[in-house]
Amino acid sequence: MTICKYIIIPILLMSGCVMPIKKLSSLSNDDLCITLGEKNNNGPMVLKITKEIEDRGGVINKERCYILSMDAIGKRKSYDKKDKERERMLNVNIDQHIRDAAIIKKYGEIIKEHNESLGL
């Protein structure tokens, strides 16, 4: 615990974070574990959440917490993949519309030339 007092706690106090420590203490055990997974790419936040888990003593089931946090990590990554897929499809659709517009314009020119050659 002395390492925690002299190293981790000062780091936690000095690091800025989006979620205030007060809010962490108001989370349920499951929500705290889910938040750990959601914020796993934010080092200072992970330290704060881990500290909160330790402060709650043995009331949090570590295996359940691990599963919940890993599930949250997986959901975040799947959303990232879905966003990339949507963006890719949007770009494909835009490219297709541009090609379609070019084809329609070209056919319009061909029809106009054909009509002019017929004297219409």
C-alpha atoms as a PDB file:
ATOM      1  CA  MET A   1       0.000   0.000   0.000  1.00  0.00           C
ATOM      2  CA  THR A   2       2.959   2.347   0.507  1.00  0.00           C
ATOM      3  CA  ILE A   3       3.679   2.230  -3.219  1.00  0.00           C
ATOM      4  CA  CYS A   4       0.078   3.192  -3.795  1.00  0.00           C
ATOM      5  CA  LYS A   5       0.350   6.118  -1.367  1.00  0.00           C
ATOM      6  CA  TYR A   6       3.576   7.518  -2.769  1.00  0.00           C
ATOM      7  CA  ILE A   7       3.309   6.775  -6.478  1.00  0.00           C
ATOM      8  CA  ILE A   8      -0.188   6.027  -7.677  1.00  0.00           C
ATOM      9  CA  ILE A   9      -2.154   8.519  -5.576  1.00  0.00           C
ATOM     10  CA  PRO A  10      -0.002  11.536  -6.591  1.00  0.00           C
ATOM     11  CA  ILE A  11      -0.297  10.455 -10.225  1.00  0.00           C
ATOM     12  CA  LEU A  12      -4.055  10.248  -9.854  1.00  0.00           C
ATOM     13  CA  LEU A  13      -4.228  13.659  -8.243  1.00  0.00           C
ATOM     14  CA  MET A  14      -2.065  15.311 -10.899  1.00  0.00           C
ATOM     15  CA  SER A  15      -3.718  13.748 -13.928  1.00  0.00           C
ATOM     16  CA  GLY A  16      -6.652  15.487 -15.529  1.00  0.00           C
ATOM     17  CA  CYS A  17      -9.622  13.443 -16.582  1.00  0.00           C
ATOM     18  CA  VAL A  18     -13.048  13.837 -18.115  1.00  0.00           C
ATOM     19  CA  MET A  19     -14.871  11.845 -15.451  1.00  0.00           C
ATOM     20  CA  PRO A  20     -14.542  13.313 -11.942  1.00  0.00           C
ATOM     21  CA  ILE A  21     -13.571  11.020  -9.084  1.00  0.00           C
ATOM     22  CA  LYS A  22     -16.864  11.795  -7.315  1.00  0.00           C
ATOM     23  CA  LYS A  23     -18.768  10.309 -10.225  1.00  0.00           C
ATOM     24  CA  LEU A  24     -16.707   7.103 -10.066  1.00  0.00           C
ATOM     25  CA  SER A  25     -17.676   6.577  -6.451  1.00  0.00           C
ATOM     26  CA  SER A  26     -21.350   6.881  -7.368  1.00  0.00           C
ATOM     27  CA  LEU A  27     -21.166   4.108 -10.000  1.00  0.00           C
ATOM     28  CA  SER A  28     -22.408   0.611  -9.239  1.00  0.00           C
ATOM     29  CA  ASN A  29     -19.824  -2.181  -9.238  1.00  0.00           C
ATOM     30  CA  ASP A  30     -20.891  -3.384 -12.690  1.00  0.00           C
ATOM     31  CA  ASP A  31     -20.950   0.133 -14.132  1.00  0.00           C
ATOM     32  CA  LEU A  32     -17.491   0.763 -12.730  1.00  0.00           C
ATOM     33  CA  CYS A  33     -16.171  -2.357 -14.486  1.00  0.00           C
ATOM     34  CA  ILE A  34     -17.893  -1.397 -17.744  1.00  0.00           C
ATOM     35  CA  THR A  35     -16.385   2.082 -17.502  1.00  0.00           C
ATOM     36  CA  LEU A  36     -12.980   0.472 -17.006  1.00  0.00           C
ATOM     37  CA  GLY A  37     -13.410  -1.262 -20.364  1.00  0.00           C
ATOM     38  CA  GLU A  38     -14.784   1.822 -22.098  1.00  0.00           C
ATOM     39  CA  LYS A  39     -11.904   3.995 -20.893  1.00  0.00           C
ATOM     40  CA  ASN A  40      -9.137   1.405 -21.278  1.00  0.00           C
ATOM     41  CA  ASN A  41      -7.221   3.620 -23.711  1.00  0.00           C
ATOM     42  CA  ASN A  42      -7.007   6.456 -21.162  1.00  0.00           C
ATOM     43  CA  GLY A  43      -4.167   5.621 -18.752  1.00  0.00           C
ATOM     44  CA  PRO A  44      -4.968   8.162 -16.015  1.00  0.00           C
ATOM     45  CA  MET A  45      -8.630   7.159 -16.055  1.00  0.00           C
ATOM     46  CA  VAL A  46      -7.756   3.461 -15.808  1.00  0.00           C
ATOM     47  CA  LEU A  47      -5.649   4.244 -12.736  1.00  0.00           C
ATOM     48  CA  LYS A  48      -8.543   6.148 -11.142  1.00  0.00           C
ATOM     49  CA  ILE A  49     -11.006   3.357 -11.829  1.00  0.00           C
ATOM     50  CA  THR A  50      -8.569   0.719 -10.573  1.00  0.00           C
ATOM     51  CA  LYS A  51      -8.074   2.764  -7.408  1.00  0.00           C
ATOM     52  CA  GLU A  52     -11.835   2.960  -6.903  1.00  0.00           C
ATOM     53  CA  ILE A  53     -12.120  -0.819  -7.366  1.00  0.00           C
ATOM     54  CA  GLU A  54      -9.367  -1.353  -4.783  1.00  0.00           C
ATOM     55  CA  ASP A  55     -11.014   1.111  -2.384  1.00  0.00           C
ATOM     56  CA  ARG A  56     -14.221  -0.909  -2.463  1.00  0.00           C
ATOM     57  CA  GLY A  57     -12.330  -3.878  -1.058  1.00  0.00           C
ATOM     58  CA  GLY A  58     -13.452  -7.388  -1.900  1.00  0.00           C
ATOM     59  CA  VAL A  59     -17.049  -6.503  -2.753  1.00  0.00           C
ATOM     60  CA  ILE A  60     -16.316  -6.499  -6.499  1.00  0.00           C
ATOM     61  CA  ASN A  61     -16.082  -9.914  -8.116  1.00  0.00           C
ATOM     62  CA  LYS A  62     -12.825  -9.651 -10.104  1.00  0.00           C
ATOM     63  CA  GLU A  63     -13.820 -12.285 -12.677  1.00  0.00           C
ATOM     64  CA  ARG A  64     -17.157 -10.602 -13.339  1.00  0.00           C
ATOM     65  CA  CYS A  65     -15.422  -7.233 -13.536  1.00  0.00           C
ATOM     66  CA  TYR A  66     -12.918  -8.596 -16.052  1.00  0.00           C
ATOM     67  CA  ILE A  67     -15.696 -10.028 -18.235  1.00  0.00           C
ATOM     68  CA  LEU A  68     -17.696  -6.787 -18.137  1.00  0.00           C
ATOM     69  CA  SER A  69     -14.670  -4.642 -18.963  1.00  0.00           C
ATOM     70  CA  MET A  70     -13.590  -6.916 -21.834  1.00  0.00           C
ATOM     71  CA  ASP A  71     -17.145  -6.892 -23.194  1.00  0.00           C
ATOM     72  CA  ALA A  72     -17.108  -3.078 -23.123  1.00  0.00           C
ATOM     73  CA  ILE A  73     -13.781  -3.051 -24.969  1.00  0.00           C
ATOM     74  CA  GLY A  74     -15.226  -5.375 -27.622  1.00  0.00           C
ATOM     75  CA  LYS A  75     -18.333  -3.234 -28.077  1.00  0.00           C
ATOM     76  CA  ARG A  76     -16.245  -0.093 -28.487  1.00  0.00           C
ATOM     77  CA  LYS A  77     -14.080  -1.776 -31.113  1.00  0.00           C
ATOM     78  CA  SER A  78     -17.110  -3.118 -32.973  1.00  0.00           C
ATOM     79  CA  TYR A  79     -18.598   0.396 -33.063  1.00  0.00           C
ATOM     80  CA  ASP A  80     -15.313   1.670 -34.473  1.00  0.00           C
ATOM     81  CA  LYS A  81     -15.457  -1.026 -37.166  1.00  0.00           C
ATOM     82  CA  LYS A  82     -19.089  -0.193 -37.966  1.00  0.00           C
ATOM     83  CA  ASP A  83     -18.227   3.501 -38.277  1.00  0.00           C
ATOM     84  CA  LYS A  84     -15.379   2.691 -40.662  1.00  0.00           C
ATOM     85  CA  GLU A  85     -17.658   0.422 -42.693  1.00  0.00           C
ATOM     86  CA  ARG A  86     -20.349   3.126 -42.896  1.00  0.00           C
ATOM     87  CA  GLU A  87     -17.753   5.661 -44.001  1.00  0.00           C
ATOM     88  CA  ARG A  88     -16.424   3.272 -46.651  1.00  0.00           C
ATOM     89  CA  MET A  89     -19.949   2.598 -47.947  1.00  0.00           C
ATOM     90  CA  LEU A  90     -20.717   6.315 -48.014  1.00  0.00           C
ATOM     91  CA  ASN A  91     -17.596   6.929 -50.094  1.00  0.00           C
ATOM     92  CA  VAL A  92     -18.524   4.069 -52.442  1.00  0.00           C
ATOM     93  CA  ASN A  93     -22.055   5.471 -52.811  1.00  0.00           C
ATOM     94  CA  ILE A  94     -20.743   8.971 -53.522  1.00  0.00           C
ATOM     95  CA  ASP A  95     -18.305   7.597 -56.097  1.00  0.00           C
ATOM     96  CA  GLN A  96     -21.132   5.606 -57.708  1.00  0.00           C
ATOM     97  CA  HIS A  97     -23.355   8.715 -57.889  1.00  0.00           C
ATOM     98  CA  ILE A  98     -20.539  10.668 -59.525  1.00  0.00           C
ATOM     99  CA  ARG A  99     -20.023   7.899 -62.093  1.00  0.00           C
ATOM    100  CA  ASP A 100     -23.778   7.669 -62.708  1.00  0.00           C
ATOM    101  CA  ALA A 101     -24.014  11.427 -63.212  1.00  0.00           C
ATOM    102  CA  ALA A 102     -21.113  11.324 -65.688  1.00  0.00           C
ATOM    103  CA  ILE A 103     -22.748   8.468 -67.613  1.00  0.00           C
ATOM    104  CA  ILE A 104     -26.114  10.266 -67.719  1.00  0.00           C
ATOM    105  CA  LYS A 105     -24.427  13.436 -68.936  1.00  0.00           C
ATOM    106  CA  LYS A 106     -22.545  11.517 -71.640  1.00  0.00           C
ATOM    107  CA  TYR A 107     -25.723   9.734 -72.806  1.00  0.00           C
ATOM    108  CA  GLY A 108     -27.512  13.084 -72.841  1.00  0.00           C
ATOM    109  CA  GLU A 109     -24.816  14.474 -75.126  1.00  0.00           C
ATOM    110  CA  ILE A 110     -25.012  11.417 -77.399  1.00  0.00           C
ATOM    111  CA  ILE A 111     -28.816  11.686 -77.656  1.00  0.00           C
ATOM    112  CA  LYS A 112     -28.584  15.421 -78.350  1.00  0.00           C
ATOM    113  CA  GLU A 113     -26.034  14.837 -81.146  1.00  0.00           C
ATOM    114  CA  HIS A 114     -28.186  12.041 -82.577  1.00  0.00           C
ATOM    115  CA  ASN A 115     -31.306  14.246 -82.537  1.00  0.00           C
ATOM    116  CA  GLU A 116     -29.373  17.077 -84.214  1.00  0.00           C
ATOM    117  CA  SER A 117     -28.154  14.710 -86.922  1.00  0.00           C
ATOM    118  CA  LEU A 118     -31.781  13.705 -87.569  1.00  0.00           C
ATOM    119  CA  GLY A 119     -32.804  17.352 -87.716  1.00  0.00           C
ATOM    120  CA  LEU A 120     -34.911  17.216 -84.590  1.00  0.00           C
END
